Amino acid sequence: MTEITASRRNLLRLAGGAVAASAVLSANEALAYQGNMERALSSLYSSLGSLREATSDKGGHKAKAVQLIQQAIGQVQAGIDFAAERFGD
């Protein structure tokens, strides 16, 4: 094997490693952005506001819905926080 061939192979290995590292960074950046989760959170807050403005005589179902949406908000926020800690903002 000539020196030139060995150098080209090493260069290709380095380039391949750089491409792989770049793909991992791009994937992590994509995972860090939580656009769908942010929109879901916004929708949940909007729903919560609508429920709070609704009349109160719903046989306890309105209060239960408010409680469940508050739990959902907590879970969505926890997911956003987890992704931010793991993959960065």
N, C-alpha and C. Protein backbone atom coordinates (compact mmCIF):
# COMPACT_ATOMS: atom_id res chain seq x y z
N MET A 1 0.86 -1.18 0.00
CA MET A 1 0.00 0.00 0.00
C MET A 1 0.90 1.24 0.00
N THR A 2 0.55 2.17 -0.83
CA THR A 2 1.38 3.38 -0.91
C THR A 2 0.98 4.35 0.17
N GLU A 3 1.87 5.31 0.39
CA GLU A 3 1.60 6.35 1.38
C GLU A 3 0.38 7.17 1.02
N ILE A 4 0.20 7.44 -0.26
CA ILE A 4 -0.93 8.25 -0.72
C ILE A 4 -2.24 7.51 -0.46
N THR A 5 -2.28 6.20 -0.76
CA THR A 5 -3.49 5.42 -0.53
C THR A 5 -3.82 5.38 0.96
N ALA A 6 -2.83 5.19 1.80
CA ALA A 6 -3.05 5.15 3.25
C ALA A 6 -3.55 6.50 3.74
N SER A 7 -3.00 7.57 3.22
CA SER A 7 -3.43 8.90 3.62
C SER A 7 -4.87 9.15 3.21
N ARG A 8 -5.26 8.73 2.02
CA ARG A 8 -6.64 8.91 1.55
C ARG A 8 -7.61 8.12 2.42
N ARG A 9 -7.23 6.91 2.78
CA ARG A 9 -8.10 6.09 3.64
C ARG A 9 -8.28 6.75 5.01
N ASN A 10 -7.20 7.26 5.56
CA ASN A 10 -7.30 7.94 6.86
C ASN A 10 -8.17 9.19 6.75
N LEU A 11 -8.00 9.91 5.65
CA LEU A 11 -8.80 11.10 5.44
C LEU A 11 -10.28 10.74 5.32
N LEU A 12 -10.60 9.67 4.60
CA LEU A 12 -11.99 9.23 4.46
C LEU A 12 -12.55 8.79 5.82
N ARG A 13 -11.75 8.13 6.62
CA ARG A 13 -12.21 7.72 7.96
C ARG A 13 -12.52 8.96 8.82
N LEU A 14 -11.65 9.92 8.77
CA LEU A 14 -11.87 11.16 9.51
C LEU A 14 -13.12 11.88 9.03
N ALA A 15 -13.29 11.95 7.73
CA ALA A 15 -14.47 12.62 7.16
C ALA A 15 -15.73 11.89 7.56
N GLY A 16 -15.70 10.56 7.50
CA GLY A 16 -16.87 9.77 7.92
C GLY A 16 -17.22 10.01 9.37
N GLY A 17 -16.21 10.08 10.22
CA GLY A 17 -16.45 10.36 11.64
C GLY A 17 -17.04 11.74 11.85
N ALA A 18 -16.57 12.71 11.09
CA ALA A 18 -17.10 14.07 11.21
C ALA A 18 -18.56 14.13 10.77
N VAL A 19 -18.89 13.42 9.71
CA VAL A 19 -20.28 13.38 9.23
C VAL A 19 -21.17 12.72 10.27
N ALA A 20 -20.70 11.62 10.86
CA ALA A 20 -21.49 10.94 11.89
C ALA A 20 -21.70 11.84 13.10
N ALA A 21 -20.66 12.52 13.53
CA ALA A 21 -20.78 13.43 14.67
C ALA A 21 -21.75 14.56 14.36
N SER A 22 -21.69 15.07 13.16
CA SER A 22 -22.61 16.14 12.75
C SER A 22 -24.05 15.66 12.76
N ALA A 23 -24.27 14.43 12.32
CA ALA A 23 -25.63 13.87 12.31
C ALA A 23 -26.17 13.72 13.72
N VAL A 24 -25.33 13.31 14.66
CA VAL A 24 -25.75 13.17 16.05
C VAL A 24 -26.09 14.53 16.63
N LEU A 25 -25.26 15.54 16.37
CA LEU A 25 -25.55 16.89 16.87
C LEU A 25 -26.85 17.42 16.29
N SER A 26 -27.07 17.21 14.99
CA SER A 26 -28.31 17.67 14.37
C SER A 26 -29.51 16.98 14.96
N ALA A 27 -29.39 15.68 15.22
CA ALA A 27 -30.49 14.93 15.83
C ALA A 27 -30.79 15.45 17.22
N ASN A 28 -29.74 15.75 17.99
CA ASN A 28 -29.95 16.28 19.33
C ASN A 28 -30.59 17.66 19.28
N GLU A 29 -30.19 18.50 18.32
CA GLU A 29 -30.81 19.82 18.19
C GLU A 29 -32.29 19.66 17.83
N ALA A 30 -32.61 18.72 16.97
CA ALA A 30 -34.00 18.50 16.58
C ALA A 30 -34.81 18.00 17.77
N LEU A 31 -34.20 17.16 18.61
CA LEU A 31 -34.90 16.66 19.78
C LEU A 31 -35.06 17.75 20.83
N ALA A 32 -34.12 18.67 20.90
CA ALA A 32 -34.20 19.73 21.89
C ALA A 32 -35.36 20.67 21.61
N TYR A 33 -35.62 20.95 20.33
CA TYR A 33 -36.74 21.82 19.99
C TYR A 33 -38.04 21.07 20.21
N GLN A 34 -38.89 21.60 21.02
CA GLN A 34 -40.13 20.92 21.40
C GLN A 34 -41.35 21.69 20.91
N GLY A 35 -41.36 22.02 19.62
CA GLY A 35 -42.46 22.81 19.06
C GLY A 35 -43.82 22.18 19.25
N ASN A 36 -43.93 20.88 19.00
CA ASN A 36 -45.22 20.21 19.18
C ASN A 36 -45.65 20.21 20.64
N MET A 37 -44.69 19.99 21.53
CA MET A 37 -45.00 20.00 22.96
C MET A 37 -45.40 21.40 23.41
N GLU A 38 -44.71 22.42 22.90
CA GLU A 38 -45.05 23.80 23.24
C GLU A 38 -46.46 24.14 22.76
N ARG A 39 -46.81 23.70 21.55
CA ARG A 39 -48.16 23.97 21.03
C ARG A 39 -49.21 23.21 21.85
N ALA A 40 -48.89 21.98 22.24
CA ALA A 40 -49.81 21.21 23.08
C ALA A 40 -50.03 21.92 24.42
N LEU A 41 -48.95 22.43 24.99
CA LEU A 41 -49.05 23.15 26.25
C LEU A 41 -49.94 24.38 26.11
N SER A 42 -49.75 25.11 25.03
CA SER A 42 -50.57 26.29 24.77
C SER A 42 -52.05 25.91 24.63
N SER A 43 -52.32 24.83 23.92
CA SER A 43 -53.70 24.37 23.75
C SER A 43 -54.31 23.95 25.08
N LEU A 44 -53.53 23.30 25.91
CA LEU A 44 -54.03 22.89 27.22
C LEU A 44 -54.36 24.11 28.08
N TYR A 45 -53.50 25.11 28.06
CA TYR A 45 -53.80 26.33 28.82
C TYR A 45 -55.05 27.02 28.29
N SER A 46 -55.22 27.02 26.98
CA SER A 46 -56.41 27.61 26.38
C SER A 46 -57.66 26.84 26.81
N SER A 47 -57.57 25.52 26.79
CA SER A 47 -58.70 24.69 27.22
C SER A 47 -59.02 24.92 28.69
N LEU A 48 -57.99 25.04 29.49
CA LEU A 48 -58.19 25.29 30.92
C LEU A 48 -58.93 26.62 31.12
N GLY A 49 -58.54 27.63 30.38
CA GLY A 49 -59.22 28.92 30.48
C GLY A 49 -60.67 28.84 30.07
N SER A 50 -60.94 28.10 29.01
CA SER A 50 -62.33 27.94 28.56
C SER A 50 -63.17 27.21 29.60
N LEU A 51 -62.62 26.18 30.20
CA LEU A 51 -63.36 25.45 31.23
C LEU A 51 -63.65 26.33 32.44
N ARG A 52 -62.68 27.13 32.82
CA ARG A 52 -62.88 28.00 33.97
C ARG A 52 -63.94 29.05 33.73
N GLU A 53 -64.13 29.43 32.46
CA GLU A 53 -65.16 30.42 32.12
C GLU A 53 -66.54 29.79 31.95
N ALA A 54 -66.60 28.47 31.83
CA ALA A 54 -67.89 27.78 31.64
C ALA A 54 -68.70 27.85 32.93
N THR A 55 -70.02 27.73 32.78
CA THR A 55 -70.88 27.72 33.97
C THR A 55 -70.53 26.53 34.84
N SER A 56 -70.82 26.65 36.13
CA SER A 56 -70.33 25.66 37.09
C SER A 56 -71.20 24.42 37.24
N ASP A 57 -72.44 24.44 36.81
CA ASP A 57 -73.34 23.31 37.04
C ASP A 57 -73.11 22.21 35.99
N LYS A 58 -72.13 21.35 36.26
CA LYS A 58 -71.82 20.27 35.32
C LYS A 58 -71.72 18.94 36.05
N GLY A 59 -72.27 18.85 37.24
CA GLY A 59 -72.28 17.59 37.97
C GLY A 59 -70.88 17.12 38.38
N GLY A 60 -69.97 18.03 38.57
CA GLY A 60 -68.62 17.68 38.98
C GLY A 60 -67.68 17.36 37.82
N HIS A 61 -68.24 17.25 36.60
CA HIS A 61 -67.42 16.89 35.45
C HIS A 61 -66.47 18.02 35.03
N LYS A 62 -66.94 19.25 35.16
CA LYS A 62 -66.07 20.39 34.82
C LYS A 62 -64.87 20.41 35.75
N ALA A 63 -65.11 20.25 37.05
CA ALA A 63 -64.01 20.27 38.02
C ALA A 63 -63.03 19.13 37.75
N LYS A 64 -63.55 17.95 37.40
CA LYS A 64 -62.68 16.82 37.09
C LYS A 64 -61.87 17.10 35.82
N ALA A 65 -62.50 17.72 34.81
CA ALA A 65 -61.79 18.06 33.58
C ALA A 65 -60.68 19.07 33.86
N VAL A 66 -60.95 20.06 34.71
CA VAL A 66 -59.93 21.04 35.09
C VAL A 66 -58.75 20.33 35.75
N GLN A 67 -59.05 19.41 36.64
CA GLN A 67 -58.00 18.66 37.33
C GLN A 67 -57.17 17.84 36.34
N LEU A 68 -57.82 17.17 35.41
CA LEU A 68 -57.10 16.35 34.44
C LEU A 68 -56.24 17.19 33.50
N ILE A 69 -56.75 18.36 33.11
CA ILE A 69 -55.96 19.24 32.24
C ILE A 69 -54.75 19.77 33.00
N GLN A 70 -54.93 20.09 34.27
CA GLN A 70 -53.79 20.55 35.07
C GLN A 70 -52.73 19.44 35.18
N GLN A 71 -53.17 18.19 35.31
CA GLN A 71 -52.22 17.08 35.33
C GLN A 71 -51.52 16.94 33.98
N ALA A 72 -52.28 17.10 32.89
CA ALA A 72 -51.70 17.02 31.55
C ALA A 72 -50.67 18.12 31.34
N ILE A 73 -50.98 19.32 31.81
CA ILE A 73 -50.03 20.43 31.71
C ILE A 73 -48.73 20.07 32.43
N GLY A 74 -48.85 19.50 33.61
CA GLY A 74 -47.67 19.09 34.37
C GLY A 74 -46.85 18.04 33.63
N GLN A 75 -47.52 17.08 33.00
CA GLN A 75 -46.81 16.03 32.27
C GLN A 75 -46.13 16.57 31.01
N VAL A 76 -46.82 17.43 30.28
CA VAL A 76 -46.22 18.01 29.07
C VAL A 76 -45.01 18.87 29.46
N GLN A 77 -45.15 19.66 30.51
CA GLN A 77 -44.03 20.49 30.96
C GLN A 77 -42.86 19.62 31.41
N ALA A 78 -43.16 18.52 32.09
CA ALA A 78 -42.10 17.60 32.52
C ALA A 78 -41.38 17.01 31.31
N GLY A 79 -42.12 16.70 30.25
CA GLY A 79 -41.50 16.19 29.03
C GLY A 79 -40.61 17.23 28.38
N ILE A 80 -41.06 18.46 28.34
CA ILE A 80 -40.26 19.55 27.78
C ILE A 80 -38.99 19.74 28.60
N ASP A 81 -39.13 19.74 29.91
CA ASP A 81 -37.97 19.91 30.80
C ASP A 81 -36.98 18.76 30.62
N PHE A 82 -37.49 17.54 30.51
CA PHE A 82 -36.63 16.37 30.33
C PHE A 82 -35.82 16.51 29.05
N ALA A 83 -36.48 16.87 27.96
CA ALA A 83 -35.79 17.01 26.68
C ALA A 83 -34.75 18.13 26.75
N ALA A 84 -35.09 19.21 27.44
CA ALA A 84 -34.16 20.33 27.56
C ALA A 84 -32.92 19.92 28.35
N GLU A 85 -33.12 19.16 29.42
CA GLU A 85 -31.98 18.71 30.22
C GLU A 85 -31.12 17.70 29.47
N ARG A 86 -31.78 16.82 28.74
CA ARG A 86 -31.05 15.75 28.06
C ARG A 86 -30.39 16.20 26.77
N PHE A 87 -31.08 17.04 26.02
CA PHE A 87 -30.59 17.40 24.69
C PHE A 87 -30.23 18.87 24.55
N GLY A 88 -30.48 19.67 25.59
CA GLY A 88 -30.18 21.10 25.53
C GLY A 88 -31.28 21.88 24.86
N ASP A 89 -31.24 23.19 25.01
CA ASP A 89 -32.29 24.05 24.43
C ASP A 89 -31.99 24.40 23.02
